[in-house]
Amino acid sequence: MIEDIANCPGYVANASVFYIFVADLNRHAQLLAHYDQTDKIENLKTMESLTVAIVDTTIAAQNMVNYAEANDLGICYIGGIRNDLFQIADLLDLPSYTFPLFGLSIGYPKTKNQVKKRLPAEDVVSMDSYQALDFDLLESYNQQTARYYAQRFSNQQQTDWSQKMVDYFHSPRRVDTLTFLKQQGFIFTETSENNPIE
C-alpha cells in the first residue's frame, strides 16, 4: 500500500527495514494537557513550531542515515509518501499535530550507484551575505551530472542537474499539503500580542 502511494516499487517491500519519519507535536499537546495547560496548545499550532519539528525530525533521520552508511548499508529517502498524506495518516493512525515527512528504506543493496557529485561549495556557501548562483560553475557541474546520470548502473537518464530542477518545478507538486496540515490542526497566521492577523 505505501509503495503504491509513494510510487517506488521494491523500495518498501524489499527493504530490510522501512521507517516513516513524522514531525510530531502531538506529544507536546499531550504534555500540555497533562499539566493543565491546554490553553497553550494554540502555541504549538504555528509555522515556527512546525518548522522546529520538521528540522528535529530530519536531523534524526540524517543521523540514522550516517550510521547506516558507516556500516555499509544502503539507504533511500522516500518523499513519495507525501503523494497522499491523508491516506498515509489513516494507515499510520496519525493524530492531530503530526506531519509525515518522508520514508527511509535501509538494507543491504544488491548494487550501489556511483556517488553523485554535489554542487560546488562556491555555489552553496555564502559569506556575510547571500550570493547568487555562478552559472559558469553550474555549467561545469551540469556536465558532471550529465555524465553521472548517463553512466550510472541503474535508472540511466539523459539529463543534468539544472534540467532536473527545471522539470521538478514545471508544475505545482502535492498541492493538498496545506489542506492536510490544516486538517491536522496547524494554523498559519501572523500574531501580534496574541491577536491573530489573517
Protein backbone atom coordinates (compact mmCIF):
# COMPACT_ATOMS: atom_id res chain seq x y z
CA MET A 1 0.00 0.00 0.00
CA ILE A 2 2.72 2.50 0.99
CA GLU A 3 4.75 1.51 -2.08
CA ASP A 4 1.75 2.26 -4.28
CA ILE A 5 1.23 5.67 -2.68
CA ALA A 6 4.92 6.53 -2.98
CA ASN A 7 5.25 5.04 -6.48
CA CYS A 8 8.51 3.33 -5.52
CA PRO A 9 8.25 -0.37 -6.48
CA GLY A 10 10.55 -2.54 -4.35
CA TYR A 11 11.83 0.25 -2.12
CA VAL A 12 9.49 -0.61 0.75
CA ALA A 13 8.62 -4.30 0.48
CA ASN A 14 12.17 -5.33 -0.45
CA ALA A 15 13.96 -3.14 2.09
CA SER A 16 15.34 -4.78 5.20
CA VAL A 17 13.61 -2.08 7.23
CA PHE A 18 11.42 0.85 6.30
CA TYR A 19 10.78 3.85 8.52
CA ILE A 20 8.44 6.79 8.19
CA PHE A 21 9.65 9.96 9.88
CA VAL A 22 6.86 12.04 11.36
CA ALA A 23 7.16 15.59 12.67
CA ASP A 24 5.33 15.16 15.95
CA LEU A 25 3.88 17.94 18.07
CA ASN A 26 1.07 15.75 19.41
CA ARG A 27 3.28 14.57 22.25
CA HIS A 28 3.74 18.19 23.25
CA ALA A 29 -0.03 18.66 23.17
CA GLN A 30 -0.40 15.63 25.44
CA LEU A 31 2.20 17.10 27.79
CA LEU A 32 0.45 20.46 27.95
CA ALA A 33 -2.89 18.76 28.62
CA HIS A 34 -1.35 16.62 31.37
CA TYR A 35 -0.16 19.76 33.14
CA ASP A 36 -3.49 21.58 32.68
CA GLN A 37 -2.03 23.94 30.10
CA THR A 38 -4.47 23.22 27.29
CA ASP A 39 -4.77 26.94 26.57
CA LYS A 40 -1.11 26.82 25.44
CA ILE A 41 -1.81 24.21 22.75
CA GLU A 42 -2.52 27.11 20.38
CA ASN A 43 1.19 27.93 20.58
CA LEU A 44 2.25 24.62 19.03
CA LYS A 45 -0.03 25.03 16.01
CA THR A 46 2.20 27.69 14.46
CA MET A 47 4.53 27.62 11.48
CA GLU A 48 7.52 28.12 13.78
CA SER A 49 6.61 25.12 15.93
CA LEU A 50 6.08 23.01 12.81
CA THR A 51 9.41 24.19 11.37
CA VAL A 52 11.25 23.15 14.54
CA ALA A 53 9.54 19.75 14.48
CA ILE A 54 10.48 19.24 10.82
CA VAL A 55 14.11 20.23 11.48
CA ASP A 56 14.40 17.93 14.50
CA THR A 57 12.83 15.01 12.64
CA THR A 58 15.09 15.49 9.63
CA ILE A 59 18.21 15.64 11.83
CA ALA A 60 17.15 12.36 13.46
CA ALA A 61 16.75 10.76 10.03
CA GLN A 62 20.13 12.03 8.85
CA ASN A 63 21.80 10.62 11.96
CA MET A 64 20.25 7.24 11.17
CA VAL A 65 21.47 7.52 7.56
CA ASN A 66 25.01 8.40 8.67
CA TYR A 67 25.10 5.38 10.98
CA ALA A 68 23.66 3.04 8.33
CA GLU A 69 26.07 4.15 5.62
CA ALA A 70 29.02 3.96 8.02
CA ASN A 71 28.10 0.27 8.39
CA ASP A 72 27.93 -0.36 4.62
CA LEU A 73 24.15 -0.34 4.45
CA GLY A 74 22.25 1.33 1.64
CA ILE A 75 19.55 3.92 2.18
CA CYS A 76 16.89 5.65 0.14
CA TYR A 77 14.72 8.54 1.25
CA ILE A 78 11.12 8.12 0.05
CA GLY A 79 9.48 11.53 -0.27
CA GLY A 80 6.68 9.93 -2.28
CA ILE A 81 4.78 9.09 0.88
CA ARG A 82 3.55 12.70 0.64
CA ASN A 83 1.76 11.82 -2.61
CA ASP A 84 -1.28 11.05 -0.43
CA LEU A 85 -0.80 12.46 3.06
CA PHE A 86 -4.38 11.70 4.02
CA GLN A 87 -4.04 8.00 3.24
CA ILE A 88 -0.66 7.76 4.98
CA ALA A 89 -2.15 9.43 8.06
CA ASP A 90 -5.02 6.91 8.01
CA LEU A 91 -2.68 3.95 7.56
CA LEU A 92 -0.49 5.07 10.47
CA ASP A 93 -3.41 6.28 12.60
CA LEU A 94 -1.67 9.64 12.99
CA PRO A 95 -3.26 12.05 15.48
CA SER A 96 -3.55 15.81 15.13
CA TYR A 97 -0.39 17.95 15.19
CA THR A 98 1.64 15.38 13.23
CA PHE A 99 3.05 15.55 9.70
CA PRO A 100 4.59 12.54 7.88
CA LEU A 101 7.68 13.90 6.15
CA PHE A 102 9.32 11.02 4.28
CA GLY A 103 10.08 7.35 4.37
CA LEU A 104 13.52 5.80 4.70
CA SER A 105 14.48 2.40 3.33
CA ILE A 106 17.57 0.76 4.81
CA GLY A 107 19.11 -2.52 3.78
CA TYR A 108 21.88 -4.37 2.02
CA PRO A 109 21.88 -3.15 -1.58
CA LYS A 110 22.44 -5.57 -4.44
CA THR A 111 24.34 -2.85 -6.28
CA LYS A 112 25.40 0.68 -5.44
CA ASN A 113 25.29 3.59 -7.83
CA GLN A 114 28.33 5.77 -8.06
CA VAL A 115 28.33 8.72 -5.71
CA LYS A 116 26.81 11.75 -7.42
CA LYS A 117 28.91 14.88 -7.14
CA ARG A 118 27.29 17.75 -5.28
CA LEU A 119 27.06 21.38 -6.30
CA PRO A 120 30.39 23.16 -5.88
CA ALA A 121 30.83 24.68 -2.44
CA GLU A 122 31.25 28.07 -4.09
CA ASP A 123 27.64 27.84 -5.27
CA VAL A 124 26.09 26.85 -1.95
CA VAL A 125 28.23 28.54 0.72
CA SER A 126 27.84 32.28 1.18
CA MET A 127 30.00 34.53 3.33
CA ASP A 128 28.39 37.50 5.11
CA SER A 129 25.53 37.80 2.61
CA TYR A 130 23.60 35.67 0.17
CA GLN A 131 25.28 35.08 -3.16
CA ALA A 132 23.60 34.24 -6.44
CA LEU A 133 24.45 31.18 -8.50
CA ASP A 134 27.65 31.29 -10.51
CA PHE A 135 26.38 29.94 -13.83
CA ASP A 136 29.90 29.21 -15.08
CA LEU A 137 30.42 26.87 -12.12
CA LEU A 138 26.94 25.50 -12.66
CA GLU A 139 27.65 24.64 -16.29
CA SER A 140 30.67 22.59 -15.23
CA TYR A 141 28.52 20.84 -12.63
CA ASN A 142 25.83 20.15 -15.23
CA GLN A 143 28.42 18.41 -17.41
CA GLN A 144 29.48 16.24 -14.46
CA THR A 145 25.91 15.31 -13.54
CA ALA A 146 25.01 14.59 -17.17
CA ARG A 147 27.85 12.02 -17.28
CA TYR A 148 26.72 10.60 -13.93
CA TYR A 149 23.07 10.15 -14.99
CA ALA A 150 24.06 8.64 -18.35
CA GLN A 151 26.56 6.17 -16.91
CA ARG A 152 25.19 5.10 -13.53
CA PHE A 153 24.32 1.45 -13.04
CA SER A 154 20.54 1.86 -12.78
CA ASN A 155 17.88 4.32 -13.96
CA GLN A 156 20.14 5.91 -16.57
CA GLN A 157 18.87 9.24 -17.89
CA GLN A 158 19.84 11.85 -20.46
CA THR A 159 19.69 14.93 -18.25
CA ASP A 160 21.71 17.10 -15.90
CA TRP A 161 21.10 18.80 -12.55
CA SER A 162 19.70 22.05 -13.94
CA GLN A 163 17.30 20.23 -16.26
CA LYS A 164 16.09 18.01 -13.41
CA MET A 165 15.40 21.08 -11.28
CA VAL A 166 13.58 22.87 -14.11
CA ASP A 167 11.48 19.73 -14.70
CA TYR A 168 10.80 19.36 -10.96
CA PHE A 169 9.33 22.84 -10.72
CA HIS A 170 7.46 22.64 -14.02
CA SER A 171 4.15 22.37 -12.17
CA PRO A 172 3.00 22.59 -8.55
CA ARG A 173 3.61 19.44 -6.55
CA ARG A 174 1.46 17.87 -3.85
CA VAL A 175 -0.91 20.80 -3.75
CA ASP A 176 -3.01 19.28 -0.94
CA THR A 177 -0.21 19.63 1.65
CA LEU A 178 -1.63 22.83 3.14
CA THR A 179 -5.11 21.31 3.32
CA PHE A 180 -3.66 18.31 5.14
CA LEU A 181 -1.73 20.47 7.60
CA LYS A 182 -4.87 22.46 8.41
CA GLN A 183 -6.75 19.20 8.94
CA GLN A 184 -4.01 18.16 11.37
CA GLY A 185 -4.70 21.27 13.43
CA PHE A 186 -1.95 23.62 12.31
CA ILE A 187 -2.76 27.28 11.73
CA PHE A 188 -0.70 29.69 9.71
CA THR A 189 -1.41 33.25 10.76
CA GLU A 190 0.75 36.07 11.96
CA THR A 191 0.18 37.18 15.51
CA SER A 192 0.82 40.42 17.32
CA GLU A 193 0.37 40.45 21.08
CA ASN A 194 -1.66 37.22 20.76
CA ASN A 195 -4.09 38.82 18.31
CA PRO A 196 -4.27 36.80 15.06
CA ILE A 197 -3.85 38.72 11.86
CA GLU A 198 -5.41 36.91 8.88
